[in-house]
Structure formats: structure tokens, C-alpha cells
Amino acid sequence: MLLAVNPEVEEDDLATDIELRKEVSKDSKAKQKYEARRRIDDLLEQKRLRKLLDDWELDD
């Protein structure tokens, strides 16, 4: 598609651009997964601490 608009663009450049876009997409997905896992870990830690606090209050 770009070859018709800009004939001096090499096919190798297009392949490189496509590969770079794939890498950025993979990095973005990996970052989203990391952030989601971090949020889940934070929530689990909050839940654990609340249970500990509830158990501690019942013991008093």
C-alpha cells in the first residue's frame, strides 16, 4: 500500500516497520499483564491484612 504512495520505500523497510509494530504491541500487552498482576497482588495483600486485623480484633 505504501509502495504506491511512496515508491522509494523499500519492502525491507515495510517488513521492519511491521516487526516493530508487533514488538510494541507485545510490549504493551506484557505491560498490561504486569499491571493487572500487580493490582491483583495488591488486592490479595489487602485482603490478607484485613483478615489479620479482623482476627486480631476478635482476640482482644
N, C-alpha and C. Protein backbone atom coordinates (compact mmCIF):
# COMPACT_ATOMS: atom_id res chain seq x y z
N MET A 1 0.83 -1.19 0.00
CA MET A 1 0.00 0.00 0.00
C MET A 1 0.87 1.25 0.00
N LEU A 2 1.87 1.31 0.83
CA LEU A 2 2.76 2.46 0.87
C LEU A 2 3.63 2.55 -0.38
N LEU A 3 3.85 1.43 -1.05
CA LEU A 3 4.68 1.45 -2.24
C LEU A 3 4.06 2.30 -3.33
N ALA A 4 2.74 2.31 -3.43
CA ALA A 4 2.07 3.11 -4.44
C ALA A 4 2.18 4.60 -4.11
N VAL A 5 2.14 4.94 -2.87
CA VAL A 5 2.20 6.34 -2.45
C VAL A 5 3.64 6.83 -2.45
N ASN A 6 4.54 6.01 -1.96
CA ASN A 6 5.94 6.41 -1.81
C ASN A 6 6.82 5.31 -2.40
N PRO A 7 7.08 5.35 -3.71
CA PRO A 7 7.78 4.24 -4.38
C PRO A 7 9.20 4.00 -3.88
N GLU A 8 9.86 4.99 -3.27
CA GLU A 8 11.23 4.78 -2.81
C GLU A 8 11.31 3.99 -1.51
N VAL A 9 10.18 3.71 -0.89
CA VAL A 9 10.17 2.90 0.33
C VAL A 9 10.46 1.46 -0.05
N GLU A 10 11.45 0.89 0.58
CA GLU A 10 11.85 -0.49 0.31
C GLU A 10 10.90 -1.47 1.00
N GLU A 11 10.76 -2.65 0.43
CA GLU A 11 9.94 -3.68 1.07
C GLU A 11 10.54 -4.09 2.40
N ASP A 12 11.87 -4.09 2.50
CA ASP A 12 12.53 -4.42 3.77
C ASP A 12 12.14 -3.43 4.85
N ASP A 13 12.02 -2.15 4.47
CA ASP A 13 11.62 -1.13 5.43
C ASP A 13 10.20 -1.40 5.93
N LEU A 14 9.34 -1.83 5.02
CA LEU A 14 7.96 -2.14 5.42
C LEU A 14 7.94 -3.34 6.36
N ALA A 15 8.73 -4.34 6.06
CA ALA A 15 8.79 -5.53 6.92
C ALA A 15 9.33 -5.14 8.29
N THR A 16 10.34 -4.29 8.32
CA THR A 16 10.90 -3.83 9.59
C THR A 16 9.87 -3.05 10.38
N ASP A 17 9.12 -2.19 9.70
CA ASP A 17 8.08 -1.40 10.36
C ASP A 17 7.01 -2.32 10.95
N ILE A 18 6.62 -3.33 10.21
CA ILE A 18 5.60 -4.27 10.70
C ILE A 18 6.13 -5.02 11.92
N GLU A 19 7.40 -5.45 11.87
CA GLU A 19 8.00 -6.15 13.01
C GLU A 19 8.07 -5.25 14.24
N LEU A 20 8.43 -3.99 14.03
CA LEU A 20 8.50 -3.04 15.15
C LEU A 20 7.12 -2.85 15.77
N ARG A 21 6.11 -2.76 14.94
CA ARG A 21 4.74 -2.61 15.46
C ARG A 21 4.32 -3.83 16.27
N LYS A 22 4.71 -5.01 15.80
CA LYS A 22 4.39 -6.24 16.54
C LYS A 22 5.08 -6.23 17.90
N GLU A 23 6.35 -5.80 17.93
CA GLU A 23 7.09 -5.75 19.19
C GLU A 23 6.46 -4.76 20.16
N VAL A 24 6.06 -3.60 19.66
CA VAL A 24 5.42 -2.59 20.51
C VAL A 24 4.12 -3.16 21.07
N SER A 25 3.37 -3.86 20.22
CA SER A 25 2.12 -4.47 20.66
C SER A 25 2.38 -5.51 21.75
N LYS A 26 3.42 -6.33 21.55
CA LYS A 26 3.77 -7.35 22.55
C LYS A 26 4.18 -6.68 23.86
N ASP A 27 4.99 -5.62 23.75
CA ASP A 27 5.43 -4.90 24.95
C ASP A 27 4.25 -4.30 25.68
N SER A 28 3.30 -3.76 24.92
CA SER A 28 2.12 -3.16 25.52
C SER A 28 1.29 -4.22 26.25
N LYS A 29 1.11 -5.36 25.61
CA LYS A 29 0.36 -6.45 26.24
C LYS A 29 1.07 -6.96 27.48
N ALA A 30 2.38 -7.07 27.40
CA ALA A 30 3.15 -7.54 28.56
C ALA A 30 3.03 -6.54 29.70
N LYS A 31 3.06 -5.27 29.38
CA LYS A 31 2.93 -4.24 30.42
C LYS A 31 1.55 -4.29 31.06
N GLN A 32 0.51 -4.48 30.23
CA GLN A 32 -0.85 -4.58 30.76
C GLN A 32 -0.98 -5.79 31.67
N LYS A 33 -0.41 -6.92 31.27
CA LYS A 33 -0.46 -8.12 32.11
C LYS A 33 0.27 -7.90 33.42
N TYR A 34 1.43 -7.24 33.34
CA TYR A 34 2.20 -6.97 34.55
C TYR A 34 1.40 -6.09 35.50
N GLU A 35 0.79 -5.03 34.97
CA GLU A 35 0.00 -4.11 35.79
C GLU A 35 -1.20 -4.83 36.41
N ALA A 36 -1.86 -5.69 35.63
CA ALA A 36 -3.01 -6.43 36.15
C ALA A 36 -2.59 -7.37 37.28
N ARG A 37 -1.48 -8.06 37.07
CA ARG A 37 -0.99 -8.97 38.12
C ARG A 37 -0.60 -8.20 39.38
N ARG A 38 0.00 -7.03 39.19
CA ARG A 38 0.39 -6.21 40.34
C ARG A 38 -0.85 -5.75 41.11
N ARG A 39 -1.90 -5.36 40.39
CA ARG A 39 -3.14 -4.95 41.06
C ARG A 39 -3.76 -6.12 41.82
N ILE A 40 -3.74 -7.29 41.20
CA ILE A 40 -4.28 -8.48 41.86
C ILE A 40 -3.49 -8.78 43.13
N ASP A 41 -2.16 -8.71 43.03
CA ASP A 41 -1.32 -8.95 44.21
C ASP A 41 -1.62 -7.94 45.31
N ASP A 42 -1.81 -6.68 44.93
CA ASP A 42 -2.15 -5.64 45.91
C ASP A 42 -3.48 -5.95 46.60
N LEU A 43 -4.47 -6.37 45.82
CA LEU A 43 -5.77 -6.70 46.39
C LEU A 43 -5.69 -7.91 47.33
N LEU A 44 -4.93 -8.92 46.92
CA LEU A 44 -4.77 -10.09 47.77
C LEU A 44 -4.06 -9.73 49.07
N GLU A 45 -3.08 -8.85 48.99
CA GLU A 45 -2.38 -8.41 50.20
C GLU A 45 -3.32 -7.63 51.11
N GLN A 46 -4.16 -6.77 50.53
CA GLN A 46 -5.14 -6.03 51.33
C GLN A 46 -6.09 -6.99 52.03
N LYS A 47 -6.55 -7.99 51.29
CA LYS A 47 -7.46 -8.98 51.86
C LYS A 47 -6.80 -9.73 53.01
N ARG A 48 -5.54 -10.11 52.82
CA ARG A 48 -4.80 -10.82 53.87
C ARG A 48 -4.64 -9.95 55.11
N LEU A 49 -4.30 -8.68 54.90
CA LEU A 49 -4.12 -7.78 56.04
C LEU A 49 -5.43 -7.51 56.77
N ARG A 50 -6.53 -7.39 56.02
CA ARG A 50 -7.83 -7.18 56.66
C ARG A 50 -8.21 -8.38 57.52
N LYS A 51 -7.97 -9.58 56.99
CA LYS A 51 -8.27 -10.79 57.76
C LYS A 51 -7.42 -10.83 59.02
N LEU A 52 -6.16 -10.50 58.90
CA LEU A 52 -5.27 -10.47 60.05
C LEU A 52 -5.78 -9.49 61.09
N LEU A 53 -6.19 -8.32 60.63
CA LEU A 53 -6.70 -7.28 61.53
C LEU A 53 -8.00 -7.74 62.19
N ASP A 54 -8.89 -8.35 61.41
CA ASP A 54 -10.15 -8.85 61.97
C ASP A 54 -9.88 -9.92 63.03
N ASP A 55 -8.98 -10.83 62.73
CA ASP A 55 -8.63 -11.89 63.68
C ASP A 55 -8.01 -11.30 64.94
N TRP A 56 -7.20 -10.30 64.78
CA TRP A 56 -6.52 -9.66 65.91
C TRP A 56 -7.54 -8.95 66.81
N GLU A 57 -8.53 -8.28 66.19
CA GLU A 57 -9.56 -7.58 66.97
C GLU A 57 -10.43 -8.55 67.74
N LEU A 58 -10.70 -9.71 67.17
CA LEU A 58 -11.52 -10.72 67.84
C LEU A 58 -10.80 -11.32 69.04
N ASP A 59 -9.50 -11.39 68.96
CA ASP A 59 -8.71 -11.96 70.06
C ASP A 59 -8.68 -11.05 71.28
N ASP A 60 -8.84 -9.75 71.08
CA ASP A 60 -8.76 -8.79 72.20
C ASP A 60 -9.94 -8.84 73.11
